[in-house]
Amino acid sequence: MTSVLITGGTGTFGRAFTRFLLDNEYSDRICIYSRGEHTQAHMRAEFGDDPRLRFLIGDVRDQSRLRRAMESVNLVVHAAALKRIEVGQYNPIEMVRTNIDGAVNVIEAAQDARVDEVVALSTDKAYQPVSPYGQSKALAESLFLAAANTIDKEIGPRFKVVRYGNVWRSNGSVVPKWESMIQGGQSYVPVTDPDCTRFYMTIDQAVELVWEAYEVHEPGRLIVPDLPAYRLGDLVDALGVKALVTKLPAWEKKHESMDDTKCSETARRMSVQELREALSA
């Protein structure tokens, strides 16, 4: 495997996966496919203008651009998505255009370009979804898994899906948001419900899961990890502040599930001390 394309490549996962590929010398050509010229410029500088990186401006809504970007690519990792739940609640059509239509475009472009393998990233929000974000990702999962069943596995592309929990400290997630508020002088953080639980997953675990999907798992698999979980009220305690309790909106669950056997309410519960250690790591 010599050439990789990462959609949404300038995001938290894309940068971490790129670092993993470079550090292990797994690829001599890594294509970063994303919409933002400024984030691409920052990433180029972050990686010291490494000659193995290629930066391609493009949107997953544009199939022809995807098709061109996938020329001579062996592995596509599809990380691009609209992810903010509250944004999707107000803009569901945009969620459809990126998360569903974008999935169709990735599938068809990969087929046309004769890519060897596609690993698509999904979310625990896709299981029994209650939000446009979760609903769009659930259908995207179905699209990739159906594509795997209609393609000759010896020819490719071979499609696989990994389902994530909340990635700790990822862009827009609760920890950096709350830490920013605390650094700004606030002694409290807004909490929808202190008894909400969420899965805990580090970015290194996310990278390893995708690489394992590529190297080990058969096409047509939905790969679901075993993860611990934490209570939001315990996270507030670990941060040493108070909770300003709001109300859990209809488009968020009190507890998340990976599948019918893995729920954040019944998963191993992280202690306040464990959360403090994770915050200081």
Protein backbone atom coordinates (compact mmCIF):
# COMPACT_ATOMS: atom_id res chain seq x y z
CA MET A 1 0.00 0.00 0.00
CA THR A 2 1.65 3.20 -1.16
CA SER A 3 -1.03 5.84 -1.70
CA VAL A 4 -3.75 7.00 0.72
CA LEU A 5 -6.49 9.63 0.40
CA ILE A 6 -8.19 11.02 3.51
CA THR A 7 -11.42 12.97 3.05
CA GLY A 8 -11.78 15.63 5.71
CA GLY A 9 -8.05 15.19 6.09
CA THR A 10 -7.37 18.40 8.03
CA GLY A 11 -9.64 17.41 10.93
CA THR A 12 -8.57 15.88 14.24
CA PHE A 13 -8.63 12.34 12.91
CA GLY A 14 -7.08 13.21 9.55
CA ARG A 15 -4.04 14.88 11.12
CA ALA A 16 -3.54 12.03 13.59
CA PHE A 17 -3.90 9.36 10.91
CA THR A 18 -1.47 11.24 8.67
CA ARG A 19 1.08 11.38 11.49
CA PHE A 20 0.61 7.63 12.06
CA LEU A 21 1.22 6.84 8.38
CA LEU A 22 4.29 9.05 8.17
CA ASP A 23 5.87 7.90 11.44
CA ASN A 24 5.49 4.25 10.44
CA GLU A 25 6.48 4.85 6.80
CA TYR A 26 3.31 3.13 5.63
CA SER A 27 2.76 5.46 2.70
CA ASP A 28 4.85 7.48 0.29
CA ARG A 29 1.85 9.53 -0.94
CA ILE A 30 -0.90 10.85 1.34
CA CYS A 31 -3.61 12.98 -0.24
CA ILE A 32 -5.35 15.40 2.12
CA TYR A 33 -8.76 16.15 0.62
CA SER A 34 -10.75 18.94 2.28
CA ARG A 35 -12.53 22.24 1.65
CA GLY A 36 -10.48 24.70 3.70
CA GLU A 37 -7.43 26.38 2.20
CA HIS A 38 -6.38 27.89 5.53
CA THR A 39 -6.61 24.62 7.46
CA GLN A 40 -4.62 22.95 4.69
CA ALA A 41 -1.95 25.66 4.93
CA HIS A 42 -1.76 25.19 8.71
CA MET A 43 -1.47 21.43 8.31
CA ARG A 44 1.23 21.79 5.67
CA ALA A 45 3.24 23.91 8.13
CA GLU A 46 2.50 21.54 11.03
CA PHE A 47 4.00 18.65 9.05
CA GLY A 48 7.02 20.61 7.87
CA ASP A 49 5.89 20.62 4.24
CA ASP A 50 6.57 16.88 4.08
CA PRO A 51 7.02 15.89 0.40
CA ARG A 52 4.88 12.77 0.90
CA LEU A 53 1.78 14.94 1.45
CA ARG A 54 -0.52 16.22 -1.30
CA PHE A 55 -3.13 18.85 -0.47
CA LEU A 56 -6.25 18.82 -2.62
CA ILE A 57 -9.03 21.37 -2.25
CA GLY A 58 -12.35 19.62 -2.77
CA ASP A 59 -15.72 18.72 -1.31
CA VAL A 60 -17.26 15.26 -0.98
CA ARG A 61 -20.33 16.79 -2.60
CA ASP A 62 -18.31 16.97 -5.84
CA GLN A 63 -18.02 13.47 -7.31
CA SER A 64 -15.93 14.46 -10.32
CA ARG A 65 -13.33 16.11 -8.09
CA LEU A 66 -13.29 13.04 -5.84
CA ARG A 67 -12.84 10.82 -8.88
CA ARG A 68 -9.83 12.84 -10.00
CA ALA A 69 -8.37 12.89 -6.48
CA MET A 70 -8.61 9.09 -6.21
CA GLU A 71 -6.47 8.38 -9.27
CA SER A 72 -3.77 5.81 -8.35
CA VAL A 73 -4.97 5.70 -4.72
CA ASN A 74 -4.91 2.35 -2.89
CA LEU A 75 -6.77 3.25 0.31
CA VAL A 76 -9.46 5.88 0.93
CA VAL A 77 -10.31 6.80 4.52
CA HIS A 78 -13.59 8.68 4.52
CA ALA A 79 -13.60 11.03 7.52
CA ALA A 80 -15.39 14.06 6.04
CA ALA A 81 -18.77 14.83 7.59
CA LEU A 82 -20.97 17.51 9.08
CA LYS A 83 -20.94 16.45 12.73
CA ARG A 84 -22.44 19.07 15.02
CA ILE A 85 -25.78 17.76 16.26
CA GLU A 86 -27.38 21.15 16.86
CA VAL A 87 -26.31 22.37 13.41
CA GLY A 88 -27.86 19.32 11.80
CA GLN A 89 -31.11 19.89 13.69
CA TYR A 90 -31.46 23.30 12.03
CA ASN A 91 -29.83 22.37 8.71
CA PRO A 92 -30.87 18.76 7.98
CA ILE A 93 -30.69 19.18 4.20
CA GLU A 94 -27.04 20.16 4.46
CA MET A 95 -26.43 17.05 6.57
CA VAL A 96 -27.99 14.98 3.78
CA ARG A 97 -25.86 16.63 1.10
CA THR A 98 -22.58 16.01 2.90
CA ASN A 99 -23.14 12.87 4.96
CA ILE A 100 -25.42 10.91 2.60
CA ASP A 101 -24.84 12.31 -0.88
CA GLY A 102 -21.14 12.60 0.00
CA ALA A 103 -21.07 8.91 0.91
CA VAL A 104 -22.63 8.04 -2.46
CA ASN A 105 -20.01 10.16 -4.21
CA VAL A 106 -17.14 8.51 -2.32
CA ILE A 107 -18.49 5.04 -3.17
CA GLU A 108 -18.98 5.75 -6.87
CA ALA A 109 -15.71 7.67 -7.27
CA ALA A 110 -13.82 4.82 -5.59
CA GLN A 111 -15.47 2.31 -7.92
CA ASP A 112 -14.65 4.39 -10.99
CA ALA A 113 -11.05 4.98 -9.89
CA ARG A 114 -10.59 1.28 -8.99
CA VAL A 115 -9.45 2.05 -5.46
CA ASP A 116 -8.47 -1.09 -3.53
CA GLU A 117 -10.10 -0.30 -0.19
CA VAL A 118 -12.37 2.24 1.51
CA VAL A 119 -12.74 2.59 5.28
CA ALA A 120 -15.60 4.90 6.30
CA LEU A 121 -15.81 6.51 9.72
CA SER A 122 -19.16 6.51 11.55
CA THR A 123 -20.45 7.27 15.03
CA ASP A 124 -22.37 5.85 17.96
CA LYS A 125 -25.04 8.44 17.07
CA ALA A 126 -25.90 6.22 14.08
CA TYR A 127 -27.31 3.49 16.34
CA GLN A 128 -31.06 4.07 16.91
CA PRO A 129 -30.60 7.70 15.82
CA VAL A 130 -32.66 10.60 17.17
CA SER A 131 -30.98 13.46 15.26
CA PRO A 132 -30.44 14.36 11.60
CA TYR A 133 -26.74 13.80 12.19
CA GLY A 134 -27.26 10.30 13.52
CA GLN A 135 -29.87 9.51 10.88
CA SER A 136 -27.60 10.66 8.07
CA LYS A 137 -24.68 8.62 9.37
CA ALA A 138 -26.89 5.54 9.80
CA LEU A 139 -27.87 5.70 6.14
CA ALA A 140 -24.26 6.35 5.14
CA GLU A 141 -23.27 3.17 6.98
CA SER A 142 -25.92 1.24 5.04
CA LEU A 143 -24.66 2.67 1.76
CA PHE A 144 -21.07 1.56 2.36
CA LEU A 145 -22.05 -1.89 3.62
CA ALA A 146 -24.41 -2.41 0.69
CA ALA A 147 -21.65 -1.35 -1.71
CA ALA A 148 -19.39 -4.00 -0.18
CA ASN A 149 -21.95 -6.67 -1.01
CA THR A 150 -22.30 -5.66 -4.65
CA ILE A 151 -18.61 -5.59 -5.59
CA ASP A 152 -16.28 -8.49 -6.33
CA LYS A 153 -14.07 -8.58 -3.23
CA GLU A 154 -11.09 -9.73 -5.28
CA ILE A 155 -11.33 -6.68 -7.53
CA GLY A 156 -12.45 -3.97 -5.10
CA PRO A 157 -13.09 -1.53 -3.80
CA ARG A 158 -13.49 -3.37 -0.49
CA PHE A 159 -15.72 -1.30 1.78
CA LYS A 160 -15.63 -1.33 5.60
CA VAL A 161 -17.15 0.89 8.30
CA VAL A 162 -15.85 1.72 11.78
CA ARG A 163 -18.20 3.15 14.41
CA TYR A 164 -16.67 5.56 16.94
CA GLY A 165 -17.50 6.87 20.36
CA ASN A 166 -16.75 10.48 21.26
CA VAL A 167 -13.09 11.11 20.47
CA TRP A 168 -11.46 12.77 23.48
CA ARG A 169 -10.37 16.37 22.75
CA SER A 170 -11.50 16.27 19.12
CA ASN A 171 -12.45 19.55 17.46
CA GLY A 172 -15.74 20.89 18.82
CA SER A 173 -16.01 18.28 21.58
CA VAL A 174 -16.97 19.00 25.16
CA VAL A 175 -13.52 18.90 26.79
CA PRO A 176 -11.78 21.64 24.75
CA LYS A 177 -15.00 23.69 24.86
CA TRP A 178 -15.21 23.54 28.64
CA GLU A 179 -11.47 24.05 29.12
CA SER A 180 -11.65 27.20 26.99
CA MET A 181 -14.48 28.54 29.15
CA ILE A 182 -12.53 27.79 32.35
CA GLN A 183 -9.40 29.45 30.96
CA GLY A 184 -11.59 32.48 30.23
CA GLY A 185 -12.39 32.75 33.93
CA GLN A 186 -15.68 30.88 34.24
CA SER A 187 -16.27 28.80 37.36
CA TYR A 188 -19.09 26.77 35.81
CA VAL A 189 -19.82 24.96 32.55
CA PRO A 190 -23.18 24.27 30.86
CA VAL A 191 -24.35 20.67 31.24
CA THR A 192 -27.53 19.33 29.69
CA ASP A 193 -27.80 16.55 32.30
CA PRO A 194 -25.02 15.53 34.74
CA ASP A 195 -26.17 11.91 34.53
CA CYS A 196 -25.59 11.71 30.76
CA THR A 197 -22.91 9.18 29.85
CA ARG A 198 -20.61 9.20 26.85
CA PHE A 199 -18.07 6.73 25.48
CA TYR A 200 -14.39 7.55 25.96
CA MET A 201 -12.04 7.04 23.03
CA THR A 202 -8.60 8.56 22.44
CA ILE A 203 -7.47 9.72 19.04
CA ASP A 204 -4.76 7.02 19.07
CA GLN A 205 -7.46 4.38 19.58
CA ALA A 206 -9.42 5.87 16.68
CA VAL A 207 -6.38 5.68 14.41
CA GLU A 208 -5.61 2.11 15.48
CA LEU A 209 -9.22 1.06 14.85
CA VAL A 210 -9.10 2.32 11.26
CA TRP A 211 -5.74 0.67 10.61
CA GLU A 212 -7.02 -2.59 12.07
CA ALA A 213 -10.09 -2.33 9.83
CA TYR A 214 -7.81 -1.93 6.82
CA GLU A 215 -5.36 -4.70 7.71
CA VAL A 216 -7.51 -7.32 9.43
CA HIS A 217 -11.24 -7.15 8.83
CA GLU A 218 -13.17 -8.53 5.91
CA PRO A 219 -15.14 -6.27 3.52
CA GLY A 220 -18.72 -5.51 4.47
CA ARG A 221 -17.93 -5.35 8.18
CA LEU A 222 -19.25 -2.80 10.66
CA ILE A 223 -16.46 -2.66 13.24
CA VAL A 224 -17.50 -1.62 16.75
CA PRO A 225 -14.92 -1.21 19.56
CA ASP A 226 -15.27 -1.96 23.28
CA LEU A 227 -14.94 1.34 25.12
CA PRO A 228 -15.32 2.65 28.67
CA ALA A 229 -17.66 5.56 29.36
CA TYR A 230 -17.87 8.53 31.70
CA ARG A 231 -20.61 10.52 33.35
CA LEU A 232 -20.74 14.22 32.42
CA GLY A 233 -21.17 15.20 36.05
CA ASP A 234 -17.96 13.32 36.89
CA LEU A 235 -16.15 15.17 34.10
CA VAL A 236 -17.29 18.48 35.62
CA ASP A 237 -15.91 17.35 38.99
CA ALA A 238 -12.62 16.34 37.38
CA LEU A 239 -12.32 19.84 35.90
CA GLY A 240 -12.87 21.36 39.35
CA VAL A 241 -15.81 23.59 38.42
CA LYS A 242 -19.58 23.61 38.88
CA ALA A 243 -22.31 22.54 36.48
CA LEU A 244 -24.93 24.95 35.14
CA VAL A 245 -27.63 22.40 34.32
CA THR A 246 -29.67 23.16 31.22
CA LYS A 247 -32.06 20.73 29.55
CA LEU A 248 -31.34 17.71 27.41
CA PRO A 249 -32.64 18.57 23.91
CA ALA A 250 -34.78 16.15 21.96
CA TRP A 251 -31.99 15.48 19.48
CA GLU A 252 -29.55 14.18 22.11
CA LYS A 253 -29.66 10.93 24.05
CA LYS A 254 -28.99 10.61 27.76
CA HIS A 255 -26.96 7.49 27.02
CA GLU A 256 -25.32 6.40 23.76
CA SER A 257 -25.04 2.90 22.31
CA MET A 258 -22.61 1.31 19.88
CA ASP A 259 -24.96 -1.57 19.14
CA ASP A 260 -27.53 -3.64 21.03
CA THR A 261 -24.87 -4.97 23.42
CA LYS A 262 -22.74 -1.87 24.11
CA CYS A 263 -24.33 1.08 25.95
CA SER A 264 -22.52 3.94 27.69
CA GLU A 265 -24.81 3.51 30.70
CA THR A 266 -23.66 -0.06 31.32
CA ALA A 267 -20.06 0.19 30.03
CA ARG A 268 -17.20 0.32 32.52
CA ARG A 269 -17.54 3.69 34.23
CA MET A 270 -14.44 5.87 34.43
CA SER A 271 -13.74 7.37 37.85
CA VAL A 272 -13.20 11.07 38.53
CA GLN A 273 -9.52 10.31 39.12
CA GLU A 274 -9.23 8.55 35.76
CA LEU A 275 -10.81 11.57 34.10
CA ARG A 276 -8.35 13.91 35.86
CA GLU A 277 -5.49 11.80 34.52
CA ALA A 278 -6.97 11.87 31.02
CA LEU A 279 -7.32 15.66 31.22
CA SER A 280 -3.69 16.08 32.24
CA ALA A 281 -2.27 13.61 29.71
